[in-house]
Amino acid sequence: MHCKIILAVLTILLVSASAHAQNNQEQKTPEEVAFEESERLEELLKLEPHQTFFIDSILQHNMRGMYNELQALRSSGTQEAIAYTQVRKKWIAKVDSAYQQVLTYDQWLIYRRSIGKITKDELKILKAKEKAWRKAKKEAKNI
């Protein structure tokens, strides 16, 4: 009975250590995260090449800045979740502000919906636009 308990504890420790090692290996750099997000947005928003360049630049700069600021908080020993949340919100606001200068209004609405920040009024506008786009596409096929 005692051996079974020890074996169970060892199994749990090994699984935990394995999961921890995988998490450490899978942690991406801010630049990798920025690149993946710019690729996602390029496809989602059907960005023009110059827009993709600007979006990638915005993300590269701001992801690195946010990462550095979060690292500084960790180094200082700050454990208050609100401090980390405030830093994250600040950098996300900077990204959103920069995106507004690069994206068209339609792309902005699609982006806002993709991150769950779209207002009811914006969603109503976007749905009407999407309906019009589908209708125009259907009519173009029939010609």
C-alpha atoms as a PDB file:
ATOM      1  CA  MET A   1       0.000   0.000   0.000  1.00  0.00           C
ATOM      2  CA  HIS A   2       2.800   2.413   0.932  1.00  0.00           C
ATOM      3  CA  CYS A   3       4.584   1.647  -2.378  1.00  0.00           C
ATOM      4  CA  LYS A   4       1.431   2.472  -4.348  1.00  0.00           C
ATOM      5  CA  ILE A   5       1.214   5.903  -2.708  1.00  0.00           C
ATOM      6  CA  ILE A   6       4.891   6.609  -3.407  1.00  0.00           C
ATOM      7  CA  LEU A   7       4.455   5.428  -6.997  1.00  0.00           C
ATOM      8  CA  ALA A   8       1.396   7.677  -7.431  1.00  0.00           C
ATOM      9  CA  VAL A   9       3.267  10.684  -6.025  1.00  0.00           C
ATOM     10  CA  LEU A  10       6.258  10.008  -8.280  1.00  0.00           C
ATOM     11  CA  THR A  11       3.973   9.678 -11.299  1.00  0.00           C
ATOM     12  CA  ILE A  12       2.335  13.013 -10.501  1.00  0.00           C
ATOM     13  CA  LEU A  13       5.745  14.659 -10.053  1.00  0.00           C
ATOM     14  CA  LEU A  14       7.025  13.254 -13.352  1.00  0.00           C
ATOM     15  CA  VAL A  15       3.916  14.341 -15.250  1.00  0.00           C
ATOM     16  CA  SER A  16       4.154  17.814 -13.693  1.00  0.00           C
ATOM     17  CA  ALA A  17       7.863  18.074 -14.532  1.00  0.00           C
ATOM     18  CA  SER A  18       7.197  16.924 -18.092  1.00  0.00           C
ATOM     19  CA  ALA A  19       4.385  19.462 -18.534  1.00  0.00           C
ATOM     20  CA  HIS A  20       6.597  22.202 -17.079  1.00  0.00           C
ATOM     21  CA  ALA A  21       9.430  21.318 -19.481  1.00  0.00           C
ATOM     22  CA  GLN A  22       7.042  21.395 -22.443  1.00  0.00           C
ATOM     23  CA  ASN A  23       5.700  24.802 -21.377  1.00  0.00           C
ATOM     24  CA  ASN A  24       9.248  26.170 -21.167  1.00  0.00           C
ATOM     25  CA  GLN A  25      10.095  24.823 -24.629  1.00  0.00           C
ATOM     26  CA  GLU A  26       6.894  26.141 -26.198  1.00  0.00           C
ATOM     27  CA  GLN A  27       7.185  29.673 -24.828  1.00  0.00           C
ATOM     28  CA  LYS A  28       7.512  31.988 -27.800  1.00  0.00           C
ATOM     29  CA  THR A  29       9.435  35.211 -28.062  1.00  0.00           C
ATOM     30  CA  PRO A  30       7.486  38.470 -28.410  1.00  0.00           C
ATOM     31  CA  GLU A  31       8.717  38.666 -32.002  1.00  0.00           C
ATOM     32  CA  GLU A  32       7.367  35.191 -32.807  1.00  0.00           C
ATOM     33  CA  VAL A  33       4.008  36.048 -31.264  1.00  0.00           C
ATOM     34  CA  ALA A  34       3.934  39.320 -33.226  1.00  0.00           C
ATOM     35  CA  PHE A  35       4.748  37.542 -36.491  1.00  0.00           C
ATOM     36  CA  GLU A  36       2.023  34.930 -35.960  1.00  0.00           C
ATOM     37  CA  GLU A  37      -0.533  37.610 -35.128  1.00  0.00           C
ATOM     38  CA  SER A  38       0.389  39.657 -38.211  1.00  0.00           C
ATOM     39  CA  GLU A  39      -0.052  36.526 -40.366  1.00  0.00           C
ATOM     40  CA  ARG A  40      -3.440  35.860 -38.755  1.00  0.00           C
ATOM     41  CA  LEU A  41      -4.557  39.432 -39.388  1.00  0.00           C
ATOM     42  CA  GLU A  42      -3.231  39.384 -42.951  1.00  0.00           C
ATOM     43  CA  GLU A  43      -5.493  36.451 -43.737  1.00  0.00           C
ATOM     44  CA  LEU A  44      -8.485  37.570 -41.664  1.00  0.00           C
ATOM     45  CA  LEU A  45      -8.509  41.166 -42.889  1.00  0.00           C
ATOM     46  CA  LYS A  46      -7.186  40.532 -46.404  1.00  0.00           C
ATOM     47  CA  LEU A  47      -4.476  43.124 -45.850  1.00  0.00           C
ATOM     48  CA  GLU A  48      -2.619  44.857 -48.645  1.00  0.00           C
ATOM     49  CA  PRO A  49       1.166  44.309 -48.605  1.00  0.00           C
ATOM     50  CA  HIS A  50       1.860  47.761 -47.145  1.00  0.00           C
ATOM     51  CA  GLN A  51      -0.730  47.157 -44.406  1.00  0.00           C
ATOM     52  CA  THR A  52       0.888  43.842 -43.518  1.00  0.00           C
ATOM     53  CA  PHE A  53       4.241  45.601 -43.224  1.00  0.00           C
ATOM     54  CA  PHE A  54       2.810  48.274 -40.904  1.00  0.00           C
ATOM     55  CA  ILE A  55       0.847  45.781 -38.794  1.00  0.00           C
ATOM     56  CA  ASP A  56       3.935  43.603 -38.373  1.00  0.00           C
ATOM     57  CA  SER A  57       6.045  46.638 -37.428  1.00  0.00           C
ATOM     58  CA  ILE A  58       3.435  47.814 -34.914  1.00  0.00           C
ATOM     59  CA  LEU A  59       3.264  44.375 -33.338  1.00  0.00           C
ATOM     60  CA  GLN A  60       7.031  43.829 -33.276  1.00  0.00           C
ATOM     61  CA  HIS A  61       7.581  47.135 -31.485  1.00  0.00           C
ATOM     62  CA  ASN A  62       4.682  46.918 -29.062  1.00  0.00           C
ATOM     63  CA  MET A  63       5.021  43.226 -28.188  1.00  0.00           C
ATOM     64  CA  ARG A  64       8.685  43.769 -27.319  1.00  0.00           C
ATOM     65  CA  GLY A  65       7.804  46.877 -25.292  1.00  0.00           C
ATOM     66  CA  MET A  66       5.071  45.078 -23.368  1.00  0.00           C
ATOM     67  CA  TYR A  67       7.328  42.081 -22.753  1.00  0.00           C
ATOM     68  CA  ASN A  68      10.133  44.294 -21.437  1.00  0.00           C
ATOM     69  CA  GLU A  69       7.775  46.180 -19.143  1.00  0.00           C
ATOM     70  CA  LEU A  70       6.270  42.942 -17.795  1.00  0.00           C
ATOM     71  CA  GLN A  71       9.772  41.549 -17.233  1.00  0.00           C
ATOM     72  CA  ALA A  72      10.674  44.685 -15.277  1.00  0.00           C
ATOM     73  CA  LEU A  73       7.608  44.153 -13.069  1.00  0.00           C
ATOM     74  CA  ARG A  74       8.603  40.528 -12.465  1.00  0.00           C
ATOM     75  CA  SER A  75      12.191  41.548 -11.692  1.00  0.00           C
ATOM     76  CA  SER A  76      11.003  44.118  -9.184  1.00  0.00           C
ATOM     77  CA  GLY A  77       9.053  41.389  -7.404  1.00  0.00           C
ATOM     78  CA  THR A  78       5.637  42.861  -8.093  1.00  0.00           C
ATOM     79  CA  GLN A  79       2.976  40.236  -7.533  1.00  0.00           C
ATOM     80  CA  GLU A  80      -0.141  42.354  -7.854  1.00  0.00           C
ATOM     81  CA  ALA A  81      -2.190  41.167 -10.804  1.00  0.00           C
ATOM     82  CA  ILE A  82      -3.581  44.662 -11.360  1.00  0.00           C
ATOM     83  CA  ALA A  83      -0.116  46.000 -12.203  1.00  0.00           C
ATOM     84  CA  TYR A  84       0.334  43.376 -14.919  1.00  0.00           C
ATOM     85  CA  THR A  85      -3.180  43.970 -16.226  1.00  0.00           C
ATOM     86  CA  GLN A  86      -2.573  47.715 -16.449  1.00  0.00           C
ATOM     87  CA  VAL A  87       0.628  47.193 -18.434  1.00  0.00           C
ATOM     88  CA  ARG A  88      -1.128  44.791 -20.791  1.00  0.00           C
ATOM     89  CA  LYS A  89      -4.061  47.184 -21.291  1.00  0.00           C
ATOM     90  CA  LYS A  90      -1.707  50.104 -21.955  1.00  0.00           C
ATOM     91  CA  TRP A  91       0.141  48.249 -24.718  1.00  0.00           C
ATOM     92  CA  ILE A  92      -3.054  46.848 -26.241  1.00  0.00           C
ATOM     93  CA  ALA A  93      -4.448  50.390 -26.387  1.00  0.00           C
ATOM     94  CA  LYS A  94      -1.272  51.492 -28.215  1.00  0.00           C
ATOM     95  CA  VAL A  95      -1.667  48.649 -30.714  1.00  0.00           C
ATOM     96  CA  ASP A  96      -5.331  49.436 -31.296  1.00  0.00           C
ATOM     97  CA  SER A  97      -4.591  53.125 -31.772  1.00  0.00           C
ATOM     98  CA  ALA A  98      -1.922  52.327 -34.358  1.00  0.00           C
ATOM     99  CA  TYR A  99      -4.182  49.792 -36.116  1.00  0.00           C
ATOM    100  CA  GLN A 100      -6.844  52.451 -36.596  1.00  0.00           C
ATOM    101  CA  GLN A 101      -4.360  54.466 -38.635  1.00  0.00           C
ATOM    102  CA  VAL A 102      -3.503  51.508 -40.887  1.00  0.00           C
ATOM    103  CA  LEU A 103      -6.777  49.623 -41.325  1.00  0.00           C
ATOM    104  CA  THR A 104      -9.821  50.631 -43.317  1.00  0.00           C
ATOM    105  CA  TYR A 105     -13.032  51.106 -41.357  1.00  0.00           C
ATOM    106  CA  ASP A 106     -14.338  47.741 -42.572  1.00  0.00           C
ATOM    107  CA  GLN A 107     -11.114  45.982 -41.579  1.00  0.00           C
ATOM    108  CA  TRP A 108     -11.248  47.729 -38.196  1.00  0.00           C
ATOM    109  CA  LEU A 109     -14.753  46.382 -37.573  1.00  0.00           C
ATOM    110  CA  ILE A 110     -13.715  42.847 -38.537  1.00  0.00           C
ATOM    111  CA  TYR A 111     -10.665  43.101 -36.272  1.00  0.00           C
ATOM    112  CA  ARG A 112     -12.776  44.356 -33.355  1.00  0.00           C
ATOM    113  CA  ARG A 113     -15.179  41.465 -33.806  1.00  0.00           C
ATOM    114  CA  SER A 114     -12.291  38.972 -33.913  1.00  0.00           C
ATOM    115  CA  ILE A 115     -11.041  40.117 -30.491  1.00  0.00           C
ATOM    116  CA  GLY A 116     -14.500  40.408 -28.953  1.00  0.00           C
ATOM    117  CA  LYS A 117     -14.435  44.188 -28.526  1.00  0.00           C
ATOM    118  CA  ILE A 118     -17.068  45.150 -31.069  1.00  0.00           C
ATOM    119  CA  THR A 119     -19.975  47.278 -29.841  1.00  0.00           C
ATOM    120  CA  LYS A 120     -23.587  46.464 -30.691  1.00  0.00           C
ATOM    121  CA  ASP A 121     -23.746  49.411 -33.079  1.00  0.00           C
ATOM    122  CA  GLU A 122     -20.508  48.400 -34.811  1.00  0.00           C
ATOM    123  CA  LEU A 123     -21.737  44.806 -35.105  1.00  0.00           C
ATOM    124  CA  LYS A 124     -24.975  45.997 -36.665  1.00  0.00           C
ATOM    125  CA  ILE A 125     -23.012  48.036 -39.231  1.00  0.00           C
ATOM    126  CA  LEU A 126     -20.667  45.145 -39.962  1.00  0.00           C
ATOM    127  CA  LYS A 127     -23.509  42.649 -40.446  1.00  0.00           C
ATOM    128  CA  ALA A 128     -25.226  45.033 -42.881  1.00  0.00           C
ATOM    129  CA  LYS A 129     -21.969  45.453 -44.812  1.00  0.00           C
ATOM    130  CA  GLU A 130     -21.384  41.686 -44.914  1.00  0.00           C
ATOM    131  CA  LYS A 131     -24.910  41.150 -46.203  1.00  0.00           C
ATOM    132  CA  ALA A 132     -24.295  43.716 -48.946  1.00  0.00           C
ATOM    133  CA  TRP A 133     -20.940  42.082 -49.825  1.00  0.00           C
ATOM    134  CA  ARG A 134     -22.574  38.640 -50.106  1.00  0.00           C
ATOM    135  CA  LYS A 135     -25.340  40.072 -52.302  1.00  0.00           C
ATOM    136  CA  ALA A 136     -22.830  41.827 -54.573  1.00  0.00           C
ATOM    137  CA  LYS A 137     -20.735  38.659 -54.820  1.00  0.00           C
ATOM    138  CA  LYS A 138     -23.813  36.605 -55.715  1.00  0.00           C
ATOM    139  CA  GLU A 139     -24.860  39.130 -58.366  1.00  0.00           C
ATOM    140  CA  ALA A 140     -21.347  39.159 -59.824  1.00  0.00           C
ATOM    141  CA  LYS A 141     -21.480  35.369 -60.171  1.00  0.00           C
ATOM    142  CA  ASN A 142     -24.770  35.581 -62.054  1.00  0.00           C
ATOM    143  CA  ILE A 143     -23.370  37.959 -64.653  1.00  0.00           C
END
